[in-house]
Protein backbone atom coordinates (compact mmCIF):
# COMPACT_ATOMS: atom_id res chain seq x y z
CA ALA A 1 -1.24 -0.14 57.03
CA ALA A 2 1.54 0.57 59.00
CA LEU A 3 2.68 -3.09 58.43
CA VAL A 4 1.91 -3.88 55.40
CA PHE A 5 1.08 -0.88 52.75
CA ILE A 6 4.00 1.56 54.06
CA PRO A 7 6.69 -1.09 53.90
CA PHE A 8 5.39 -2.11 50.14
CA PHE A 9 5.37 1.22 48.81
CA TYR A 10 8.80 2.31 50.62
CA ARG A 11 10.18 -0.58 49.36
CA ALA A 12 9.45 0.52 45.79
CA GLY A 13 11.22 4.02 45.74
CA VAL A 14 7.70 5.88 45.19
CA THR A 15 7.48 9.30 45.91
CA THR A 16 3.60 9.20 45.15
CA VAL A 17 1.15 6.61 45.46
CA PRO A 18 -0.16 7.40 41.27
CA GLU A 19 4.01 6.87 40.84
CA PHE A 20 3.44 3.15 42.15
CA LEU A 21 0.17 2.82 40.23
CA GLU A 22 2.00 3.63 37.43
CA ARG A 23 4.77 1.00 38.24
CA ARG A 24 1.55 -1.43 38.91
CA TYR A 25 -0.78 -0.85 36.01
CA ASN A 26 0.20 1.75 33.58
CA VAL A 27 0.64 6.00 32.85
CA GLY A 28 -2.62 6.03 32.02
CA VAL A 29 -4.12 5.19 35.82
CA ARG A 30 -1.33 7.22 37.13
CA THR A 31 -2.49 10.61 35.41
CA VAL A 32 -5.92 10.00 36.52
CA LEU A 33 -5.59 9.71 39.84
CA ALA A 34 -2.77 12.38 39.93
CA ILE A 35 -5.65 14.76 38.19
CA CYS A 36 -8.24 14.02 40.91
CA TRP A 37 -6.25 14.01 43.60
CA LEU A 38 -4.90 17.72 42.75
CA LEU A 39 -8.61 18.93 42.15
CA PHE A 40 -9.78 16.95 45.15
CA MET A 41 -6.53 19.14 46.89
CA ALA A 42 -6.93 22.84 45.01
CA CYS A 43 -10.91 22.73 46.15
CA ASN A 44 -9.75 21.30 50.31
CA LEU A 45 -7.51 24.07 50.32
CA GLY A 46 -10.35 26.51 49.55
CA ILE A 47 -13.03 24.87 52.29
CA MET A 48 -10.12 24.49 54.74
CA LEU A 49 -9.23 28.25 54.04
CA LEU A 50 -12.88 29.41 54.53
CA ALA A 51 -12.71 27.22 57.52
CA SER A 52 -10.53 29.29 59.55
CA ALA A 53 -12.20 32.32 58.62
CA LYS A 54 -15.31 31.17 60.11
CA MET A 55 -12.85 30.78 63.42
CA MET A 56 -11.55 33.87 63.58
CA SER A 57 -14.16 35.70 62.38
CA ALA A 58 -16.69 34.53 65.08
CA VAL A 59 -13.57 34.54 68.48
CA PHE A 60 -12.33 38.29 67.30
CA GLY A 61 -15.18 39.44 64.72
CA TRP A 62 -12.45 40.02 61.44
CA ASN A 63 -13.71 40.06 58.14
CA GLU A 64 -13.40 36.76 56.96
CA LEU A 65 -11.80 38.11 53.54
CA VAL A 66 -8.59 39.19 55.55
CA CYS A 67 -9.03 36.16 57.85
CA ILE A 68 -8.26 34.12 54.28
CA LEU A 69 -5.77 36.13 52.92
CA ALA A 70 -3.98 36.38 55.77
CA THR A 71 -3.78 32.23 56.75
CA ALA A 72 -3.18 31.84 52.81
CA LEU A 73 -0.18 33.90 53.06
CA LEU A 74 1.16 32.52 56.15
CA VAL A 75 0.89 28.81 55.20
CA GLY A 76 1.80 29.58 51.58
CA GLY A 77 4.77 31.61 52.75
CA TYR A 78 6.28 28.33 54.87
CA THR A 79 5.67 25.62 52.93
CA PHE A 80 7.05 27.64 49.95
CA VAL A 81 10.14 28.47 51.35
CA GLY A 82 10.45 24.91 53.22
CA GLY A 83 8.88 22.20 51.73
CA LEU A 84 8.38 18.64 53.13
CA ALA A 85 10.65 19.68 56.22
CA ALA A 86 8.76 23.07 57.28
CA VAL A 87 5.37 20.91 57.01
CA VAL A 88 7.05 17.76 59.21
CA TYR A 89 8.39 19.53 61.94
CA THR A 90 5.09 22.92 62.31
CA ASP A 91 2.47 20.06 61.94
CA MET A 92 4.46 18.19 65.20
CA ILE A 93 3.60 22.01 66.98
CA GLN A 94 0.52 22.33 65.75
CA CYS A 95 -0.84 19.12 66.36
CA SER A 96 0.51 19.30 70.39
CA VAL A 97 -1.33 22.78 70.76
CA MET A 98 -4.16 21.56 69.21
CA ILE A 99 -4.79 18.60 71.73
CA VAL A 100 -4.18 20.71 75.06
CA GLY A 101 -6.93 23.27 73.07
CA CYS A 102 -9.29 20.64 72.46
CA LEU A 103 -8.34 19.18 75.90
CA CYS A 104 -9.16 22.30 77.56
CA ILE A 105 -12.66 22.86 76.21
CA LEU A 106 -13.46 19.52 76.89
CA VAL A 107 -13.25 19.70 80.52
CA LEU A 108 -14.34 23.72 80.93
CA GLY A 109 -17.61 22.23 78.62
CA LEU A 110 -18.30 19.24 80.84
CA VAL A 111 -17.99 21.65 83.95
CA GLU A 112 -20.90 24.22 81.81
CA VAL A 113 -23.38 21.19 81.60
CA GLY A 114 -22.39 19.27 85.01
CA GLY A 115 -20.24 16.54 84.07
CA LEU A 116 -21.62 13.47 81.86
CA GLU A 117 -24.94 12.88 83.37
CA GLY A 118 -25.42 16.98 82.96
CA LEU A 119 -24.90 16.37 79.42
CA GLN A 120 -26.80 13.48 78.94
CA THR A 121 -29.77 15.01 80.46
CA ARG A 122 -29.56 18.44 78.46
CA LEU A 123 -28.70 16.44 75.30
CA ALA A 124 -32.04 14.45 75.88
CA GLU A 125 -34.14 18.05 76.12
CA VAL A 126 -32.53 18.67 72.78
CA GLU A 127 -33.77 15.44 71.70
CA ALA A 128 -36.99 15.61 72.83
CA SER A 129 -38.02 19.03 71.38
CA ARG A 130 -36.98 18.37 67.96
CA GLU A 131 -39.17 15.06 68.08
CA LEU A 132 -42.26 17.56 69.16
CA ALA A 133 -40.98 19.96 66.59
CA ALA A 134 -40.74 17.37 63.95
CA SER A 135 -43.97 15.91 65.10
CA GLU A 136 -45.90 19.24 64.09
CA SER A 137 -44.16 19.74 60.97
CA ALA A 138 -45.99 18.58 57.40
CA ALA A 139 -45.48 15.93 56.52
CA ALA A 140 -42.13 15.27 54.08
CA PRO A 141 -42.49 14.85 50.58
CA HIS A 142 -42.18 11.38 48.93
CA GLY A 143 -44.13 9.55 51.31
CA GLY A 144 -40.51 9.85 53.13
CA PRO A 145 -38.41 10.85 55.81
CA VAL A 146 -37.37 14.25 55.23
CA VAL A 147 -34.67 14.53 53.20
CA GLY A 148 -31.53 16.08 55.00
CA GLY A 149 -33.40 16.09 58.09
CA ASP A 150 -32.08 14.79 61.61
CA SER A 151 -35.32 13.37 62.91
CA THR A 152 -35.24 10.08 64.71
CA SER A 153 -38.13 7.84 65.78
CA SER A 154 -35.42 6.10 68.47
CA GLY A 155 -36.20 8.70 71.46
CA PRO A 156 -34.61 11.51 73.01
CA GLN A 157 -30.80 9.25 74.26
CA GLN A 158 -30.00 8.76 70.19
CA SER A 159 -27.31 11.24 70.67
CA THR A 160 -25.55 9.66 73.41
CA ALA A 161 -26.81 5.97 73.06
CA LEU A 162 -23.82 3.03 71.69
CA LEU A 163 -26.41 1.17 70.12
CA LEU A 164 -30.00 2.30 68.22
CA PRO A 165 -32.62 0.41 66.58
CA VAL A 166 -31.54 -0.92 63.23
CA ASP A 167 -34.13 1.16 61.33
CA THR A 168 -33.46 4.52 63.34
CA GLN A 169 -33.36 7.00 60.71
CA THR A 170 -29.93 8.94 61.10
CA PRO A 171 -28.43 11.39 59.47
CA PHE A 172 -25.34 8.29 58.74
CA PRO A 173 -27.26 5.04 59.04
CA TRP A 174 -25.22 2.52 59.81
CA PRO A 175 -24.84 0.52 56.42
CA GLY A 176 -23.11 3.77 55.42
CA ILE A 177 -20.59 3.95 58.72
CA TYR A 178 -19.70 0.07 58.47
CA PHE A 179 -19.65 -0.27 54.23
CA GLY A 180 -18.88 3.05 53.51
CA LEU A 181 -16.88 4.74 55.77
CA ALA A 182 -14.82 1.52 58.11
CA LEU A 183 -14.41 -1.10 54.61
CA ILE A 184 -13.88 1.93 52.37
CA LEU A 185 -13.23 5.66 52.97
CA SER A 186 -11.05 4.90 56.17
CA PRO A 187 -8.77 1.89 54.64
CA ALA A 188 -8.61 4.18 51.75
CA TYR A 189 -7.73 7.68 53.13
CA TRP A 190 -4.94 6.06 55.67
CA ILE A 191 -3.35 3.89 52.75
CA GLY A 192 -3.93 5.82 48.71
CA ASN A 193 -4.41 9.73 50.86
CA GLN A 194 -1.12 11.39 48.80
CA ALA A 195 -0.96 14.00 51.79
CA ILE A 196 -0.94 11.43 54.31
CA VAL A 197 1.58 8.71 52.73
CA GLN A 198 3.72 10.88 51.77
CA ARG A 199 4.82 11.79 55.28
CA SER A 200 6.12 8.45 55.80
CA LEU A 201 8.02 7.85 52.44
CA GLY A 202 9.70 10.81 52.89
CA ALA A 203 11.26 9.16 56.93
CA ARG A 204 14.70 8.20 56.91
CA SER A 205 13.91 4.55 56.85
CA GLU A 206 11.49 1.62 56.59
CA PHE A 207 11.17 1.26 60.20
CA ASP A 208 10.72 5.27 60.75
CA ALA A 209 7.88 5.18 58.47
CA GLN A 210 5.85 2.21 59.84
CA ALA A 211 6.58 3.80 63.46
CA SER A 212 5.19 7.29 62.12
CA TYR A 213 2.10 5.55 61.42
CA ILE A 214 1.88 3.36 64.33
CA TRP A 215 2.03 6.64 66.42
CA GLY A 216 -0.55 8.41 64.38
CA ALA A 217 -2.59 5.50 64.57
CA LEU A 218 -2.24 6.29 68.73
CA LEU A 219 -3.02 9.74 68.73
CA LYS A 220 -6.44 8.68 66.36
CA ASN A 221 -8.25 7.35 69.55
CA ILE A 222 -8.13 10.18 70.96
CA ILE A 223 -10.43 12.25 68.64
CA PRO A 224 -13.52 11.02 69.10
CA VAL A 225 -12.78 12.35 72.53
CA ILE A 226 -11.83 15.81 71.73
CA VAL A 227 -13.64 16.61 68.66
CA ALA A 228 -16.73 14.88 69.53
CA VAL A 229 -17.35 15.57 72.89
CA PRO A 230 -17.18 19.18 72.69
CA GLY A 231 -19.43 18.66 69.75
CA LEU A 232 -22.29 17.55 72.07
CA ILE A 233 -21.64 20.26 74.54
CA GLY A 234 -22.24 22.74 71.77
CA LEU A 235 -25.93 20.59 70.99
CA ALA A 236 -26.67 21.35 74.68
CA LEU A 237 -25.39 24.80 75.28
CA LEU A 238 -26.71 25.84 71.57
CA PRO A 239 -29.62 24.87 70.67
CA ASP A 240 -30.85 26.93 68.66
CA LEU A 241 -27.86 27.53 66.18
CA GLN A 242 -28.20 27.33 62.63
CA ASP A 243 -24.84 27.31 61.56
CA GLY A 244 -22.96 24.21 62.45
CA ASP A 245 -19.75 24.86 60.97
CA THR A 246 -19.79 27.78 64.15
CA ALA A 247 -20.80 25.66 67.02
CA ILE A 248 -16.92 25.41 68.37
CA PRO A 249 -16.38 29.20 67.99
CA GLN A 250 -19.45 30.28 69.95
CA LEU A 251 -18.03 27.60 72.86
CA VAL A 252 -14.61 29.44 72.68
CA GLY A 253 -16.44 32.39 72.87
CA ARG A 254 -18.85 31.17 75.77
CA LEU A 255 -16.66 28.65 77.55
CA LEU A 256 -13.10 30.02 77.33
CA PRO A 257 -11.16 32.97 79.37
CA VAL A 258 -9.39 35.23 77.27
CA GLY A 259 -6.11 33.42 77.66
CA LEU A 260 -7.39 30.31 77.18
CA ARG A 261 -9.56 31.90 73.87
CA GLY A 262 -6.46 32.43 72.61
CA LEU A 263 -5.20 28.58 73.17
CA PHE A 264 -7.67 27.27 71.79
CA VAL A 265 -7.51 29.32 68.50
CA ALA A 266 -4.63 28.78 68.27
CA ALA A 267 -4.94 24.88 68.69
CA PHE A 268 -8.19 24.97 66.10
CA LEU A 269 -5.73 26.97 63.68
CA ALA A 270 -3.41 24.94 63.69
CA ALA A 271 -5.11 21.69 62.74
CA LEU A 272 -6.35 23.39 59.71
CA MET A 273 -2.66 24.98 59.51
CA SER A 274 -1.73 21.27 59.21
CA SER A 275 -4.49 20.14 56.79
CA ILE A 276 -4.04 23.51 54.00
CA ASP A 277 0.14 22.54 54.38
CA SER A 278 0.03 19.09 53.65
CA TYR A 279 -2.40 19.64 51.14
CA LEU A 280 -0.10 22.13 48.98
CA ASN A 281 2.94 20.05 49.37
CA SER A 282 1.36 17.05 48.53
CA ALA A 283 -0.24 19.06 45.13
CA ALA A 284 3.49 20.56 44.89
CA THR A 285 4.76 17.01 44.63
CA LEU A 286 2.07 15.40 42.42
CA VAL A 287 2.40 18.29 39.93
CA SER A 288 6.23 18.43 39.38
CA ASN A 289 6.37 14.81 39.82
CA ASP A 290 3.11 12.64 37.86
CA LEU A 291 2.81 15.61 35.68
CA TYR A 292 5.54 17.84 34.57
CA LYS A 293 8.54 15.32 35.04
CA ARG A 294 6.47 12.21 33.34
CA PHE A 295 5.13 13.69 30.12
CA PHE A 296 6.98 17.23 29.92
CA HIS A 297 10.95 16.71 31.23
CA ARG A 298 11.88 13.34 32.26
CA ASP A 299 15.72 13.93 32.85
CA VAL A 300 14.69 17.46 34.87
CA SER A 301 17.26 18.52 37.18
CA ASP A 302 16.16 18.46 40.98
CA GLU A 303 16.66 22.21 41.32
CA ARG A 304 13.94 22.89 38.55
CA LEU A 305 11.86 20.43 39.70
CA LEU A 306 11.96 22.73 43.44
CA THR A 307 11.15 25.59 41.33
CA ILE A 308 7.71 23.64 39.50
CA GLY A 309 6.29 22.59 43.02
CA ARG A 310 6.67 26.57 44.78
CA SER A 311 5.06 27.38 41.36
CA THR A 312 2.42 25.45 41.74
CA THR A 313 2.42 26.13 45.48
CA VAL A 314 1.90 30.04 44.71
CA VAL A 315 -1.03 28.78 42.32
CA LEU A 316 -3.21 26.95 44.51
CA VAL A 317 -2.45 29.96 47.03
CA PHE A 318 -4.26 32.68 44.85
CA TRP A 319 -7.26 29.37 43.63
CA ALA A 320 -7.51 28.65 47.16
CA VAL A 321 -8.60 32.12 47.98
CA GLY A 322 -10.71 32.60 45.23
CA PHE A 323 -13.04 29.56 46.15
CA ALA A 324 -12.84 29.90 49.79
CA LEU A 325 -14.65 33.26 48.58
CA LEU A 326 -16.83 31.66 46.15
CA LEU A 327 -18.00 29.12 48.87
CA ALA A 328 -18.51 31.79 51.75
CA THR A 329 -21.35 33.51 48.97
CA MET A 330 -23.03 29.97 48.70
CA SER A 331 -25.63 28.35 50.78
CA GLU A 332 -23.89 25.89 53.60
CA GLU A 333 -26.79 24.02 54.47
CA SER A 334 -24.48 20.67 53.98
CA GLY A 335 -21.27 22.44 56.15
CA ILE A 336 -18.22 21.82 55.88
CA TYR A 337 -17.48 18.74 56.86
CA ALA A 338 -20.01 17.22 54.84
CA ILE A 339 -18.49 18.95 51.53
CA PHE A 340 -14.78 17.67 52.55
CA GLN A 341 -16.25 14.27 52.35
CA THR A 342 -18.13 14.79 49.61
CA LEU A 343 -15.51 15.43 47.29
CA MET A 344 -12.98 12.61 48.79
CA ALA A 345 -16.56 10.23 48.02
CA PHE A 346 -15.66 11.28 44.02
CA PHE A 347 -13.01 9.37 43.64
CA GLN A 348 -11.40 7.39 46.78
CA GLY A 349 -14.03 4.70 46.93
CA PRO A 350 -12.86 3.54 42.39
CA ALA A 351 -8.68 4.55 43.47
CA PHE A 352 -8.75 2.20 46.92
CA ALA A 353 -10.54 -0.46 44.91
CA VAL A 354 -7.40 -0.11 42.04
CA LEU A 355 -4.73 -0.07 44.52
CA LEU A 356 -5.98 -2.71 46.54
CA ILE A 357 -6.63 -5.46 43.70
CA GLY A 358 -3.73 -4.66 42.20
CA ILE A 359 -1.58 -5.61 45.11
CA LEU A 360 -3.27 -8.40 46.65
CA TRP A 361 -4.05 -9.84 42.62
CA ARG A 362 -1.94 -10.89 40.07
CA ARG A 363 -4.52 -10.96 37.01
CA ALA A 364 -5.69 -7.16 37.25
CA THR A 365 -4.49 -5.53 34.24
CA GLY A 366 -3.54 -2.00 33.19
CA MET A 367 -6.63 -1.66 30.76
CA ALA A 368 -8.86 -3.22 32.80
CA ALA A 369 -7.78 -0.99 35.77
CA LEU A 370 -8.01 2.52 33.37
CA ILE A 371 -11.85 1.74 32.78
CA ALA A 372 -12.57 0.68 35.70
CA LEU A 373 -11.15 3.64 37.81
CA LEU A 374 -13.15 5.77 35.09
CA ALA A 375 -16.11 3.97 35.64
CA GLY A 376 -16.12 3.93 38.93
CA ILE A 377 -15.64 8.21 39.17
CA ALA A 378 -18.13 8.23 37.08
CA VAL A 379 -20.97 6.26 39.03
CA SER A 380 -20.06 8.68 42.08
CA ILE A 381 -20.54 11.41 39.86
CA THR A 382 -23.80 10.25 38.97
CA LEU A 383 -25.28 9.22 42.30
CA TYR A 384 -24.14 13.05 43.51
CA ALA A 385 -25.96 14.41 40.84
CA LEU A 386 -29.39 12.48 40.81
CA ASN A 387 -29.71 13.13 44.60
CA GLN A 388 -29.67 16.69 43.76
CA PRO A 389 -33.48 18.45 44.21
CA LEU A 390 -32.49 20.24 40.86
CA VAL A 391 -32.31 17.05 39.07
CA TYR A 392 -34.71 14.21 40.55
CA GLU A 393 -37.23 17.13 40.82
CA ALA A 394 -36.60 18.05 36.68
CA LEU A 395 -36.94 14.25 36.20
CA GLY A 396 -39.58 13.49 38.67
CA TRP A 397 -38.08 10.78 40.55
CA PRO A 398 -38.02 10.59 44.35
CA PRO A 399 -34.30 10.75 45.81
CA LEU A 400 -32.21 7.76 45.74
CA PHE A 401 -31.09 8.54 49.87
CA GLN A 402 -33.43 9.64 52.14
CA ILE A 403 -30.68 11.07 53.57
CA ARG A 404 -28.86 14.26 53.44
CA GLU A 405 -25.26 13.62 53.15
CA PRO A 406 -25.09 10.09 51.17
CA PHE A 407 -21.21 10.50 50.50
CA LEU A 408 -20.97 7.29 52.38
CA TYR A 409 -23.23 5.83 49.61
CA PHE A 410 -21.55 6.89 46.75
CA SER A 411 -18.08 5.43 48.38
CA VAL A 412 -19.65 2.45 48.43
CA TRP A 413 -21.40 1.88 44.65
CA ALA A 414 -18.38 3.40 43.38
CA PHE A 415 -15.70 0.65 44.97
CA ALA A 416 -18.52 -2.36 43.69
CA THR A 417 -18.63 -0.35 40.64
CA THR A 418 -14.50 -0.30 40.29
CA ALA A 419 -13.72 -4.11 41.33
CA VAL A 420 -16.66 -6.02 39.91
CA LEU A 421 -15.32 -3.91 36.55
CA LEU A 422 -11.86 -4.39 37.10
CA ILE A 423 -12.02 -8.54 37.97
CA GLY A 424 -14.12 -9.27 35.25
CA LEU A 425 -12.45 -6.93 32.43
CA SER A 426 -9.01 -8.67 33.48
CA TYR A 427 -10.56 -11.65 32.47
CA VAL A 428 -10.25 -10.20 28.78
CA THR A 429 -7.43 -8.18 28.64
CA PRO A 430 -3.47 -8.93 27.91
CA PRO A 431 -2.21 -9.84 31.49
CA SER A 432 0.83 -7.61 32.89
CA SER A 433 4.13 -7.76 32.31
CA GLU A 434 6.39 -9.05 34.41
CA ASP A 435 8.03 -5.93 35.37
CA ASN A 436 4.58 -4.47 36.64
CA LEU A 437 3.87 -7.87 38.61
CA GLN A 438 6.55 -7.00 41.15
CA TYR A 439 4.85 -4.37 42.98
CA VAL A 440 2.05 -7.44 43.68
CA LEU A 441 2.00 -8.59 47.05
CA GLY A 442 4.82 -11.46 48.22
CA LYS A 443 7.27 -9.78 45.53
CA ARG A 444 9.83 -7.53 46.66
CA PRO A 445 9.49 -4.59 44.79
CA ARG A 446 12.15 -2.63 43.20
CA ALA A 447 12.63 0.93 43.30
CA ALA A 448 12.63 1.90 39.18
CA ALA A 449 14.91 3.90 37.87
CA GLN A 450 14.11 8.05 37.79
């Protein structure tokens, strides 16, 4: 992304990824993707607010409603006033605090469990007890493994093993990790996610835009250590915990003294606020540039765009509060992480296919891209619906996937559907104009007049 795609976007002079797709294809592709991102961001804001409320409620005992309102007011306020600049500067501080806080709980947690060897021993005991419980439970319906269960057949060392047998039943099997995450969702997130790309497109120069991505990639390498290992510590120390979303707050209350407890809560909230302000700012940009400016007032002034963006921020804050309260009243068996990833899987695969093929292949056409994008999104939503118990039981079918959270497979099939349709339909639809082909890799894209 840093070496190929970000320089390409930067030279094109675009503000958003949907804007680039209009340059390459047509306004229909831009509009569909802008609406998808807007809906995703609106829902994700509520998810992030709920996550912050869970942390503060578990650690301090505060009412979740008060926590949601306080976080929304704080983050919405500085995003409303400062825009992208405020988001970037606050995120730099929040990132530093988050890393320090996670390192604290990592070190203290390892001390509590007796180091890495002690962690492995405790995890082995947890896995053994779960295998025993699974063997005593009733057989799963439809003659297969329990849908959504975490039972395994690989022995008690599964939680820390680097390699597992190919037929191991895990919540996230290797085909989904390899094809769905490594080849589709991860590249799509870093190349096509408006909340990520917008930061680099706002850099002072192309070099700064590339450097920001490379620096972010370096920081990302420590995430498995400071996030995943505390999760394993939580499994070892709290084996009977029912709500996985409260594992870290429970560890904070158990392991950290008062001063460090406040530091970690600040770190956790910093990470959440970083995501919330990013999505608020990106959603405001999508509304003002991809919808209002494109369809209602092409010659709009910068002051008017700023007003539209700020109004969008206010509306989204109110929406996010309502959505967070709705989620709080619903069953949360899936967990916050799975809800977030499922929402992304609905459109990230199709969007990535359209973006990737459009940049690499001259023959890809706008009409084909629009049809393929809509079809890919429809496939994702259909797979999700058919995997819901209410639907497949009514139809008398077995579940499509024998795991609880199959969002990685949604992205694989949606990406494949979009790619096949885009390539096939491009041969039977009128070719793109020379203006569109300026945005194919190998050309030097020119910034369009605004």
